[in-house]
């Protein structure tokens, strides 16, 4: 019997589809599975993902800045990204100012940042970190 794309009214996705849905690279998505950050059953030897559970995971992921003071978060839009093998430069337009942050290439890939995305610059005492605003 063919595998069904819908189960009890919920979309069920393959790993490729799920990675695209949560805007992660496939390798990062699999790493999250192996680290236990994303739970998934195997059906027919392959991982399957319910869209509703991915939405819940995204909701948990989105709350990652709740414990950071509002004074330390600058909401903006990604205007440019320059990347090499190890590092990435991310430019944010935060209204009347522009912020440039240097982050690792892995962090850029994990965040799934793209030009035009809304993002939050988190200002620490000695550095600025960038988090995607969802």
C-alpha atoms as a PDB file:
ATOM      1  CA  UNK A   1       0.000   0.000   0.000  1.00  0.00           C
ATOM      2  CA  UNK A   2       1.350   3.419  -0.949  1.00  0.00           C
ATOM      3  CA  UNK A   3       2.416   5.789   1.803  1.00  0.00           C
ATOM      4  CA  UNK A   4      -0.236   8.462   2.355  1.00  0.00           C
ATOM      5  CA  UNK A   5       0.670  12.157   2.454  1.00  0.00           C
ATOM      6  CA  UNK A   6      -2.103  12.956   4.890  1.00  0.00           C
ATOM      7  CA  UNK A   7      -2.806  11.387   8.238  1.00  0.00           C
ATOM      8  CA  UNK A   8      -5.903  12.407  10.241  1.00  0.00           C
ATOM      9  CA  UNK A   9      -6.037  15.774   8.457  1.00  0.00           C
ATOM     10  CA  UNK A  10      -2.387  16.666   9.186  1.00  0.00           C
ATOM     11  CA  UNK A  11       0.237  17.103   6.519  1.00  0.00           C
ATOM     12  CA  UNK A  12       3.032  14.551   6.737  1.00  0.00           C
ATOM     13  CA  UNK A  13       6.366  15.562   5.220  1.00  0.00           C
ATOM     14  CA  UNK A  14       9.538  13.826   4.109  1.00  0.00           C
ATOM     15  CA  UNK A  15      12.862  14.974   5.576  1.00  0.00           C
ATOM     16  CA  UNK A  16      13.573  17.136   2.507  1.00  0.00           C
ATOM     17  CA  UNK A  17      10.150  18.774   2.684  1.00  0.00           C
ATOM     18  CA  UNK A  18      10.366  19.269   6.446  1.00  0.00           C
ATOM     19  CA  UNK A  19      13.842  20.841   6.232  1.00  0.00           C
ATOM     20  CA  UNK A  20      12.575  23.295   3.610  1.00  0.00           C
ATOM     21  CA  UNK A  21       9.470  23.986   5.708  1.00  0.00           C
ATOM     22  CA  UNK A  22      11.512  24.993   8.776  1.00  0.00           C
ATOM     23  CA  UNK A  23      14.110  26.713   6.555  1.00  0.00           C
ATOM     24  CA  UNK A  24      17.114  24.634   7.566  1.00  0.00           C
ATOM     25  CA  UNK A  25      19.647  22.920   5.369  1.00  0.00           C
ATOM     26  CA  UNK A  26      19.036  19.190   5.133  1.00  0.00           C
ATOM     27  CA  UNK A  27      22.314  18.416   6.926  1.00  0.00           C
ATOM     28  CA  UNK A  28      21.433  20.767   9.804  1.00  0.00           C
ATOM     29  CA  UNK A  29      17.927  19.293   9.960  1.00  0.00           C
ATOM     30  CA  UNK A  30      19.307  15.736  10.248  1.00  0.00           C
ATOM     31  CA  UNK A  31      21.768  16.886  12.899  1.00  0.00           C
ATOM     32  CA  UNK A  32      18.831  18.281  14.917  1.00  0.00           C
ATOM     33  CA  UNK A  33      17.118  14.885  14.637  1.00  0.00           C
ATOM     34  CA  UNK A  34      20.241  13.031  15.787  1.00  0.00           C
ATOM     35  CA  UNK A  35      20.715  15.486  18.682  1.00  0.00           C
ATOM     36  CA  UNK A  36      17.090  14.962  19.728  1.00  0.00           C
ATOM     37  CA  UNK A  37      16.048  18.571  19.043  1.00  0.00           C
ATOM     38  CA  UNK A  38      13.449  17.371  16.528  1.00  0.00           C
ATOM     39  CA  UNK A  39      11.466  14.187  17.173  1.00  0.00           C
ATOM     40  CA  UNK A  40      10.443  12.016  14.228  1.00  0.00           C
ATOM     41  CA  UNK A  41       9.203   8.465  13.741  1.00  0.00           C
ATOM     42  CA  UNK A  42      10.571   6.257  11.004  1.00  0.00           C
ATOM     43  CA  UNK A  43       7.994   4.816   8.636  1.00  0.00           C
ATOM     44  CA  UNK A  44       9.306   2.308   6.134  1.00  0.00           C
ATOM     45  CA  UNK A  45      12.845   3.091   7.296  1.00  0.00           C
ATOM     46  CA  UNK A  46      12.468   6.817   6.544  1.00  0.00           C
ATOM     47  CA  UNK A  47      11.776   9.759   8.828  1.00  0.00           C
ATOM     48  CA  UNK A  48       8.334  11.347   8.537  1.00  0.00           C
ATOM     49  CA  UNK A  49       7.236  14.651  10.044  1.00  0.00           C
ATOM     50  CA  UNK A  50       3.806  15.992  10.906  1.00  0.00           C
ATOM     51  CA  UNK A  51       3.523  19.622   9.920  1.00  0.00           C
ATOM     52  CA  UNK A  52       1.612  20.432  13.108  1.00  0.00           C
ATOM     53  CA  UNK A  53       4.508  19.112  15.241  1.00  0.00           C
ATOM     54  CA  UNK A  54       7.022  21.118  13.211  1.00  0.00           C
ATOM     55  CA  UNK A  55       4.873  24.203  13.812  1.00  0.00           C
ATOM     56  CA  UNK A  56       5.016  23.502  17.549  1.00  0.00           C
ATOM     57  CA  UNK A  57       8.801  23.087  17.341  1.00  0.00           C
ATOM     58  CA  UNK A  58       9.068  26.372  15.440  1.00  0.00           C
ATOM     59  CA  UNK A  59       6.977  28.043  18.126  1.00  0.00           C
ATOM     60  CA  UNK A  60       9.352  26.832  20.818  1.00  0.00           C
ATOM     61  CA  UNK A  61      12.312  27.910  18.719  1.00  0.00           C
ATOM     62  CA  UNK A  62      10.813  31.366  18.199  1.00  0.00           C
ATOM     63  CA  UNK A  63      10.600  32.041  21.917  1.00  0.00           C
ATOM     64  CA  UNK A  64      14.371  31.866  22.322  1.00  0.00           C
ATOM     65  CA  UNK A  65      14.725  35.616  22.975  1.00  0.00           C
ATOM     66  CA  UNK A  66      12.054  35.956  25.681  1.00  0.00           C
ATOM     67  CA  UNK A  67      14.583  36.139  28.505  1.00  0.00           C
ATOM     68  CA  UNK A  68      16.587  38.892  26.778  1.00  0.00           C
ATOM     69  CA  UNK A  69      15.813  42.480  27.768  1.00  0.00           C
ATOM     70  CA  UNK A  70      13.900  44.513  25.173  1.00  0.00           C
ATOM     71  CA  UNK A  71      16.672  47.113  25.306  1.00  0.00           C
ATOM     72  CA  UNK A  72      19.079  44.506  23.969  1.00  0.00           C
ATOM     73  CA  UNK A  73      16.995  43.450  20.944  1.00  0.00           C
ATOM     74  CA  UNK A  74      16.907  45.442  17.709  1.00  0.00           C
ATOM     75  CA  UNK A  75      14.331  44.248  15.185  1.00  0.00           C
ATOM     76  CA  UNK A  76      15.176  44.771  11.540  1.00  0.00           C
ATOM     77  CA  UNK A  77      15.351  43.308   8.074  1.00  0.00           C
ATOM     78  CA  UNK A  78      18.311  41.526   6.458  1.00  0.00           C
ATOM     79  CA  UNK A  79      19.611  43.746   3.643  1.00  0.00           C
ATOM     80  CA  UNK A  80      22.793  41.904   2.659  1.00  0.00           C
ATOM     81  CA  UNK A  81      24.674  38.703   3.376  1.00  0.00           C
ATOM     82  CA  UNK A  82      28.297  38.019   2.495  1.00  0.00           C
ATOM     83  CA  UNK A  83      29.605  34.575   3.306  1.00  0.00           C
ATOM     84  CA  UNK A  84      32.677  32.426   2.929  1.00  0.00           C
ATOM     85  CA  UNK A  85      33.478  28.925   4.133  1.00  0.00           C
ATOM     86  CA  UNK A  86      33.738  29.803   7.842  1.00  0.00           C
ATOM     87  CA  UNK A  87      32.213  33.243   8.539  1.00  0.00           C
ATOM     88  CA  UNK A  88      29.303  35.365   7.317  1.00  0.00           C
ATOM     89  CA  UNK A  89      28.568  39.087   7.402  1.00  0.00           C
ATOM     90  CA  UNK A  90      24.895  39.984   7.910  1.00  0.00           C
ATOM     91  CA  UNK A  91      23.636  43.546   7.397  1.00  0.00           C
ATOM     92  CA  UNK A  92      20.394  44.565   9.138  1.00  0.00           C
ATOM     93  CA  UNK A  93      18.323  47.677   8.491  1.00  0.00           C
ATOM     94  CA  UNK A  94      16.774  48.604  11.844  1.00  0.00           C
ATOM     95  CA  UNK A  95      15.027  51.768  10.713  1.00  0.00           C
ATOM     96  CA  UNK A  96      17.237  54.814  10.941  1.00  0.00           C
ATOM     97  CA  UNK A  97      20.364  52.692  11.416  1.00  0.00           C
ATOM     98  CA  UNK A  98      22.157  49.781   9.839  1.00  0.00           C
ATOM     99  CA  UNK A  99      23.889  47.068  11.845  1.00  0.00           C
ATOM    100  CA  UNK A 100      26.507  44.659  10.561  1.00  0.00           C
ATOM    101  CA  UNK A 101      27.136  41.431  12.450  1.00  0.00           C
ATOM    102  CA  UNK A 102      29.805  38.817  11.853  1.00  0.00           C
ATOM    103  CA  UNK A 103      28.550  35.301  12.617  1.00  0.00           C
ATOM    104  CA  UNK A 104      29.763  31.810  11.798  1.00  0.00           C
ATOM    105  CA  UNK A 105      28.684  30.232   8.534  1.00  0.00           C
ATOM    106  CA  UNK A 106      27.104  27.386  10.540  1.00  0.00           C
ATOM    107  CA  UNK A 107      24.999  29.917  12.478  1.00  0.00           C
ATOM    108  CA  UNK A 108      23.875  31.508   9.210  1.00  0.00           C
ATOM    109  CA  UNK A 109      22.891  28.111   7.816  1.00  0.00           C
ATOM    110  CA  UNK A 110      21.140  27.086  11.058  1.00  0.00           C
ATOM    111  CA  UNK A 111      19.136  30.316  11.126  1.00  0.00           C
ATOM    112  CA  UNK A 112      18.262  30.002   7.453  1.00  0.00           C
ATOM    113  CA  UNK A 113      18.671  33.765   7.060  1.00  0.00           C
ATOM    114  CA  UNK A 114      18.068  35.260   3.639  1.00  0.00           C
ATOM    115  CA  UNK A 115      18.028  38.802   2.305  1.00  0.00           C
ATOM    116  CA  UNK A 116      14.615  40.286   3.060  1.00  0.00           C
ATOM    117  CA  UNK A 117      14.004  38.183   6.190  1.00  0.00           C
ATOM    118  CA  UNK A 118      12.966  39.857   9.426  1.00  0.00           C
ATOM    119  CA  UNK A 119      15.629  39.320  12.089  1.00  0.00           C
ATOM    120  CA  UNK A 120      16.558  40.450  15.581  1.00  0.00           C
ATOM    121  CA  UNK A 121      20.001  41.758  16.521  1.00  0.00           C
ATOM    122  CA  UNK A 122      20.712  40.722  20.117  1.00  0.00           C
ATOM    123  CA  UNK A 123      23.240  43.080  21.692  1.00  0.00           C
ATOM    124  CA  UNK A 124      25.558  41.570  24.296  1.00  0.00           C
ATOM    125  CA  UNK A 125      28.082  43.426  26.417  1.00  0.00           C
ATOM    126  CA  UNK A 126      30.937  42.938  23.955  1.00  0.00           C
ATOM    127  CA  UNK A 127      29.261  41.723  20.790  1.00  0.00           C
ATOM    128  CA  UNK A 128      26.108  41.626  18.682  1.00  0.00           C
ATOM    129  CA  UNK A 129      24.404  38.334  17.796  1.00  0.00           C
ATOM    130  CA  UNK A 130      21.768  37.920  15.070  1.00  0.00           C
ATOM    131  CA  UNK A 131      18.611  35.841  15.506  1.00  0.00           C
ATOM    132  CA  UNK A 132      15.902  35.357  12.909  1.00  0.00           C
ATOM    133  CA  UNK A 133      12.587  36.989  13.854  1.00  0.00           C
ATOM    134  CA  UNK A 134       9.752  34.664  12.950  1.00  0.00           C
END
